[in-house]
Amino acid sequence: VFLSTLMITSIIGLAIQLLSTSTVHANALTPHPPIYIDGNAGFTTPDPVNGGGSGTAGDPYIIENWVIDASSADGITILNTTAYFIIRNCLVENGGDSWFGIYLDNVINGKVENNTFDNDYLCIYLYYSSHNNLTNNTCENNGYGIELDYSDNNLIENNIVGNNIWEGIGLYYSDNNNLTNNTCE
């Protein structure tokens, strides 16, 4: 009876973790300072990429499994790149009234997936950036959720944006973007 109870308790505990609405579990992440990448070479110098990759479509750079404190700078800034990359399974928090979670400026070929943002000024911001995928991110308790300015042909899919102060998803001077199955509360 004791073993059966212990087994059932373990299964329930695992099920609760797997069914959690958060896409990222902070206890499984490694702390990392804010990341700043300018140009394709910035992915390797200094080395912010922890999942390998060469920046090609078949072998993208990977930035994953980090908890980033954005209280002194934008959590992840990527500028002026054409390299393929994925930012996934990160928690970016504490940007307060000043700092973004992820800021992409003049970027193509990026994927931002399965990240969680909490207490940031703006969760994900694309500026003059095209052909990027923003999928399965959770943006709750921030100033703004997801914003695109002058950014065309992006996919925004399966994101949860809720309990933010000003807006959920904002599109400004941005055309041909595909928004599918997002939840804004």
C-alpha atoms as a PDB file:
ATOM      1  CA  VAL A   1       0.000   0.000   0.000  1.00  0.00           C
ATOM      2  CA  PHE A   2       2.838   2.393   0.885  1.00  0.00           C
ATOM      3  CA  LEU A   3       4.621   1.736  -2.425  1.00  0.00           C
ATOM      4  CA  SER A   4       1.392   2.191  -4.386  1.00  0.00           C
ATOM      5  CA  THR A   5       0.705   5.504  -2.643  1.00  0.00           C
ATOM      6  CA  LEU A   6       4.271   6.672  -3.250  1.00  0.00           C
ATOM      7  CA  MET A   7       4.049   5.706  -6.917  1.00  0.00           C
ATOM      8  CA  ILE A   8       0.727   7.479  -7.431  1.00  0.00           C
ATOM      9  CA  THR A   9       2.030  10.597  -5.673  1.00  0.00           C
ATOM     10  CA  SER A  10       5.097  10.641  -7.946  1.00  0.00           C
ATOM     11  CA  ILE A  11       2.963  10.268 -11.071  1.00  0.00           C
ATOM     12  CA  ILE A  12       0.659  13.095  -9.982  1.00  0.00           C
ATOM     13  CA  GLY A  13       3.651  15.340  -9.246  1.00  0.00           C
ATOM     14  CA  LEU A  14       5.103  14.645 -12.691  1.00  0.00           C
ATOM     15  CA  ALA A  15       1.734  15.251 -14.356  1.00  0.00           C
ATOM     16  CA  ILE A  16       1.395  18.625 -12.626  1.00  0.00           C
ATOM     17  CA  GLN A  17       4.806  19.688 -13.948  1.00  0.00           C
ATOM     18  CA  LEU A  18       4.030  18.517 -17.475  1.00  0.00           C
ATOM     19  CA  LEU A  19       0.594  20.143 -17.536  1.00  0.00           C
ATOM     20  CA  SER A  20       1.802  23.462 -16.140  1.00  0.00           C
ATOM     21  CA  THR A  21       0.791  26.462 -18.300  1.00  0.00           C
ATOM     22  CA  SER A  22       4.324  27.839 -18.081  1.00  0.00           C
ATOM     23  CA  THR A  23       6.536  26.777 -20.969  1.00  0.00           C
ATOM     24  CA  VAL A  24       9.713  27.197 -18.934  1.00  0.00           C
ATOM     25  CA  HIS A  25      10.535  25.848 -15.483  1.00  0.00           C
ATOM     26  CA  ALA A  26      12.994  28.199 -13.765  1.00  0.00           C
ATOM     27  CA  ASN A  27      14.632  25.469 -11.682  1.00  0.00           C
ATOM     28  CA  ALA A  28      15.878  23.755 -14.879  1.00  0.00           C
ATOM     29  CA  LEU A  29      17.546  26.912 -16.221  1.00  0.00           C
ATOM     30  CA  THR A  30      21.035  28.347 -15.841  1.00  0.00           C
ATOM     31  CA  PRO A  31      21.436  32.044 -14.933  1.00  0.00           C
ATOM     32  CA  HIS A  32      22.977  34.165 -17.703  1.00  0.00           C
ATOM     33  CA  PRO A  33      23.586  37.912 -18.028  1.00  0.00           C
ATOM     34  CA  PRO A  34      21.811  39.844 -20.828  1.00  0.00           C
ATOM     35  CA  ILE A  35      22.903  38.873 -24.344  1.00  0.00           C
ATOM     36  CA  TYR A  36      23.875  41.406 -27.025  1.00  0.00           C
ATOM     37  CA  ILE A  37      24.563  40.229 -30.594  1.00  0.00           C
ATOM     38  CA  ASP A  38      25.325  42.655 -33.458  1.00  0.00           C
ATOM     39  CA  GLY A  39      25.927  40.978 -36.820  1.00  0.00           C
ATOM     40  CA  ASN A  40      26.295  37.308 -37.712  1.00  0.00           C
ATOM     41  CA  ALA A  41      29.736  37.064 -36.077  1.00  0.00           C
ATOM     42  CA  GLY A  42      28.187  38.142 -32.773  1.00  0.00           C
ATOM     43  CA  PHE A  43      26.699  34.676 -32.324  1.00  0.00           C
ATOM     44  CA  THR A  44      30.176  33.275 -31.735  1.00  0.00           C
ATOM     45  CA  THR A  45      32.223  36.221 -30.368  1.00  0.00           C
ATOM     46  CA  PRO A  46      31.869  36.353 -27.413  1.00  0.00           C
ATOM     47  CA  ASP A  47      30.084  33.020 -27.384  1.00  0.00           C
ATOM     48  CA  PRO A  48      26.436  33.470 -26.257  1.00  0.00           C
ATOM     49  CA  VAL A  49      25.338  30.319 -28.102  1.00  0.00           C
ATOM     50  CA  ASN A  50      25.032  27.340 -25.798  1.00  0.00           C
ATOM     51  CA  GLY A  51      23.400  24.862 -28.164  1.00  0.00           C
ATOM     52  CA  GLY A  52      25.900  24.845 -31.019  1.00  0.00           C
ATOM     53  CA  GLY A  53      24.995  25.508 -34.608  1.00  0.00           C
ATOM     54  CA  SER A  54      26.628  27.191 -37.556  1.00  0.00           C
ATOM     55  CA  GLY A  55      23.896  29.695 -38.429  1.00  0.00           C
ATOM     56  CA  THR A  56      22.540  27.861 -41.480  1.00  0.00           C
ATOM     57  CA  ALA A  57      18.926  26.804 -42.030  1.00  0.00           C
ATOM     58  CA  GLY A  58      19.818  23.161 -41.326  1.00  0.00           C
ATOM     59  CA  ASP A  59      22.132  23.955 -38.402  1.00  0.00           C
ATOM     60  CA  PRO A  60      20.914  27.130 -36.646  1.00  0.00           C
ATOM     61  CA  TYR A  61      22.582  28.788 -33.687  1.00  0.00           C
ATOM     62  CA  ILE A  62      20.797  27.812 -30.464  1.00  0.00           C
ATOM     63  CA  ILE A  63      20.311  29.991 -27.388  1.00  0.00           C
ATOM     64  CA  GLU A  64      18.407  27.976 -24.804  1.00  0.00           C
ATOM     65  CA  ASN A  65      17.680  27.044 -21.215  1.00  0.00           C
ATOM     66  CA  TRP A  66      18.742  30.296 -19.559  1.00  0.00           C
ATOM     67  CA  VAL A  67      17.128  32.532 -17.004  1.00  0.00           C
ATOM     68  CA  ILE A  68      18.081  36.115 -17.837  1.00  0.00           C
ATOM     69  CA  ASP A  69      17.678  39.026 -15.451  1.00  0.00           C
ATOM     70  CA  ALA A  70      16.787  42.051 -17.612  1.00  0.00           C
ATOM     71  CA  SER A  71      16.911  44.582 -14.777  1.00  0.00           C
ATOM     72  CA  SER A  72      19.957  46.374 -16.279  1.00  0.00           C
ATOM     73  CA  ALA A  73      19.571  45.790 -20.066  1.00  0.00           C
ATOM     74  CA  ASP A  74      17.290  44.135 -22.618  1.00  0.00           C
ATOM     75  CA  GLY A  75      17.363  40.392 -21.942  1.00  0.00           C
ATOM     76  CA  ILE A  76      18.393  39.328 -25.466  1.00  0.00           C
ATOM     77  CA  THR A  77      19.251  41.872 -28.172  1.00  0.00           C
ATOM     78  CA  ILE A  78      20.004  40.713 -31.705  1.00  0.00           C
ATOM     79  CA  LEU A  79      20.803  43.282 -34.418  1.00  0.00           C
ATOM     80  CA  ASN A  80      21.667  43.199 -38.125  1.00  0.00           C
ATOM     81  CA  THR A  81      21.693  39.437 -38.710  1.00  0.00           C
ATOM     82  CA  THR A  82      20.745  37.050 -41.499  1.00  0.00           C
ATOM     83  CA  ALA A  83      21.997  33.905 -39.735  1.00  0.00           C
ATOM     84  CA  TYR A  84      19.450  31.302 -38.704  1.00  0.00           C
ATOM     85  CA  PHE A  85      18.971  31.060 -34.942  1.00  0.00           C
ATOM     86  CA  ILE A  86      16.579  29.758 -32.307  1.00  0.00           C
ATOM     87  CA  ILE A  87      15.956  31.252 -28.871  1.00  0.00           C
ATOM     88  CA  ARG A  88      14.045  28.694 -26.834  1.00  0.00           C
ATOM     89  CA  ASN A  89      13.151  27.632 -23.327  1.00  0.00           C
ATOM     90  CA  CYS A  90      14.413  30.811 -21.676  1.00  0.00           C
ATOM     91  CA  LEU A  91      12.928  32.869 -18.879  1.00  0.00           C
ATOM     92  CA  VAL A  92      13.530  36.602 -19.285  1.00  0.00           C
ATOM     93  CA  GLU A  93      12.382  38.641 -16.312  1.00  0.00           C
ATOM     94  CA  ASN A  94      12.600  41.851 -14.299  1.00  0.00           C
ATOM     95  CA  GLY A  95      12.959  44.400 -17.125  1.00  0.00           C
ATOM     96  CA  GLY A  96      10.489  46.574 -15.231  1.00  0.00           C
ATOM     97  CA  ASP A  97       9.570  49.895 -16.853  1.00  0.00           C
ATOM     98  CA  SER A  98      12.686  50.097 -19.045  1.00  0.00           C
ATOM     99  CA  TRP A  99      13.938  46.869 -20.621  1.00  0.00           C
ATOM    100  CA  PHE A 100      12.659  44.446 -23.261  1.00  0.00           C
ATOM    101  CA  GLY A 101      12.674  40.687 -22.958  1.00  0.00           C
ATOM    102  CA  ILE A 102      13.830  40.066 -26.559  1.00  0.00           C
ATOM    103  CA  TYR A 103      14.652  42.840 -29.037  1.00  0.00           C
ATOM    104  CA  LEU A 104      15.230  41.981 -32.710  1.00  0.00           C
ATOM    105  CA  ASP A 105      16.289  44.863 -34.999  1.00  0.00           C
ATOM    106  CA  ASN A 106      17.006  44.289 -38.707  1.00  0.00           C
ATOM    107  CA  VAL A 107      16.863  40.521 -38.231  1.00  0.00           C
ATOM    108  CA  ILE A 108      15.671  37.729 -40.506  1.00  0.00           C
ATOM    109  CA  ASN A 109      15.576  33.945 -40.023  1.00  0.00           C
ATOM    110  CA  GLY A 110      15.026  33.922 -36.252  1.00  0.00           C
ATOM    111  CA  LYS A 111      12.824  31.655 -34.194  1.00  0.00           C
ATOM    112  CA  VAL A 112      11.688  32.637 -30.713  1.00  0.00           C
ATOM    113  CA  GLU A 113       9.896  29.673 -29.171  1.00  0.00           C
ATOM    114  CA  ASN A 114       8.778  28.321 -25.806  1.00  0.00           C
ATOM    115  CA  ASN A 115      10.044  31.292 -23.781  1.00  0.00           C
ATOM    116  CA  THR A 116       8.475  32.915 -20.743  1.00  0.00           C
ATOM    117  CA  PHE A 117       8.544  36.645 -19.991  1.00  0.00           C
ATOM    118  CA  ASP A 118       7.645  38.150 -16.643  1.00  0.00           C
ATOM    119  CA  ASN A 119       7.811  41.754 -15.395  1.00  0.00           C
ATOM    120  CA  ASP A 120       9.457  43.193 -18.535  1.00  0.00           C
ATOM    121  CA  TYR A 121       8.611  46.485 -20.241  1.00  0.00           C
ATOM    122  CA  LEU A 122       7.942  44.690 -23.543  1.00  0.00           C
ATOM    123  CA  CYS A 123       8.229  40.917 -24.046  1.00  0.00           C
ATOM    124  CA  ILE A 124       9.189  40.520 -27.712  1.00  0.00           C
ATOM    125  CA  TYR A 125       9.895  43.506 -29.965  1.00  0.00           C
ATOM    126  CA  LEU A 126      10.621  43.257 -33.707  1.00  0.00           C
ATOM    127  CA  TYR A 127      11.816  46.398 -35.483  1.00  0.00           C
ATOM    128  CA  TYR A 128      12.489  46.273 -39.239  1.00  0.00           C
ATOM    129  CA  SER A 129      12.659  42.479 -38.931  1.00  0.00           C
ATOM    130  CA  SER A 130      11.128  39.952 -41.315  1.00  0.00           C
ATOM    131  CA  HIS A 131      10.727  36.216 -41.816  1.00  0.00           C
ATOM    132  CA  ASN A 132      10.890  35.343 -38.112  1.00  0.00           C
ATOM    133  CA  ASN A 133       8.749  32.875 -36.146  1.00  0.00           C
ATOM    134  CA  LEU A 134       7.398  33.686 -32.684  1.00  0.00           C
ATOM    135  CA  THR A 135       5.730  30.530 -31.358  1.00  0.00           C
ATOM    136  CA  ASN A 136       4.551  29.106 -28.040  1.00  0.00           C
ATOM    137  CA  ASN A 137       5.786  31.994 -25.889  1.00  0.00           C
ATOM    138  CA  THR A 138       4.145  33.105 -22.656  1.00  0.00           C
ATOM    139  CA  CYS A 139       4.066  36.868 -22.030  1.00  0.00           C
ATOM    140  CA  GLU A 140       2.304  37.640 -18.774  1.00  0.00           C
ATOM    141  CA  ASN A 141       2.539  40.447 -16.202  1.00  0.00           C
ATOM    142  CA  ASN A 142       4.499  42.866 -18.411  1.00  0.00           C
ATOM    143  CA  GLY A 143       3.938  46.327 -19.869  1.00  0.00           C
ATOM    144  CA  TYR A 144       3.472  45.196 -23.477  1.00  0.00           C
ATOM    145  CA  GLY A 145       3.245  41.700 -24.930  1.00  0.00           C
ATOM    146  CA  ILE A 146       4.467  41.336 -28.524  1.00  0.00           C
ATOM    147  CA  GLU A 147       5.054  44.323 -30.818  1.00  0.00           C
ATOM    148  CA  LEU A 148       6.088  44.570 -34.461  1.00  0.00           C
ATOM    149  CA  ASP A 149       7.139  47.877 -36.032  1.00  0.00           C
ATOM    150  CA  TYR A 150       7.962  47.993 -39.750  1.00  0.00           C
ATOM    151  CA  SER A 151       8.257  44.197 -39.688  1.00  0.00           C
ATOM    152  CA  ASP A 152       6.728  42.082 -42.449  1.00  0.00           C
ATOM    153  CA  ASN A 153       6.187  38.391 -43.206  1.00  0.00           C
ATOM    154  CA  ASN A 154       6.538  37.037 -39.679  1.00  0.00           C
ATOM    155  CA  LEU A 155       4.660  34.137 -38.069  1.00  0.00           C
ATOM    156  CA  ILE A 156       3.125  34.776 -34.642  1.00  0.00           C
ATOM    157  CA  GLU A 157       1.543  31.540 -33.490  1.00  0.00           C
ATOM    158  CA  ASN A 158       0.311  29.833 -30.299  1.00  0.00           C
ATOM    159  CA  ASN A 159       1.476  32.575 -27.944  1.00  0.00           C
ATOM    160  CA  ILE A 160      -0.206  33.378 -24.644  1.00  0.00           C
ATOM    161  CA  VAL A 161      -0.273  37.081 -23.865  1.00  0.00           C
ATOM    162  CA  GLY A 162      -2.080  38.052 -20.704  1.00  0.00           C
ATOM    163  CA  ASN A 163      -2.351  40.404 -17.778  1.00  0.00           C
ATOM    164  CA  ASN A 164      -0.146  43.035 -19.406  1.00  0.00           C
ATOM    165  CA  ILE A 165      -0.639  46.722 -18.700  1.00  0.00           C
ATOM    166  CA  TRP A 166      -1.042  48.193 -22.198  1.00  0.00           C
ATOM    167  CA  GLU A 167      -1.434  45.754 -25.074  1.00  0.00           C
ATOM    168  CA  GLY A 168      -1.299  42.129 -26.092  1.00  0.00           C
ATOM    169  CA  ILE A 169      -0.065  42.028 -29.702  1.00  0.00           C
ATOM    170  CA  GLY A 170       0.610  45.281 -31.576  1.00  0.00           C
ATOM    171  CA  LEU A 171       1.332  45.623 -35.300  1.00  0.00           C
ATOM    172  CA  TYR A 172       2.492  49.016 -36.565  1.00  0.00           C
ATOM    173  CA  TYR A 173       3.345  49.607 -40.229  1.00  0.00           C
ATOM    174  CA  SER A 174       3.788  45.845 -40.554  1.00  0.00           C
ATOM    175  CA  ASP A 175       2.332  43.840 -43.441  1.00  0.00           C
ATOM    176  CA  ASN A 176       1.741  40.197 -44.388  1.00  0.00           C
ATOM    177  CA  ASN A 177       2.208  38.794 -40.902  1.00  0.00           C
ATOM    178  CA  ASN A 178       0.455  35.543 -40.023  1.00  0.00           C
ATOM    179  CA  LEU A 179      -1.201  35.528 -36.588  1.00  0.00           C
ATOM    180  CA  THR A 180      -2.611  32.128 -35.687  1.00  0.00           C
ATOM    181  CA  ASN A 181      -4.093  30.696 -32.499  1.00  0.00           C
ATOM    182  CA  ASN A 182      -2.772  33.321 -30.079  1.00  0.00           C
ATOM    183  CA  THR A 183      -4.483  34.016 -26.757  1.00  0.00           C
ATOM    184  CA  CYS A 184      -4.633  37.628 -25.548  1.00  0.00           C
ATOM    185  CA  GLU A 185      -6.277  38.311 -22.187  1.00  0.00           C
END
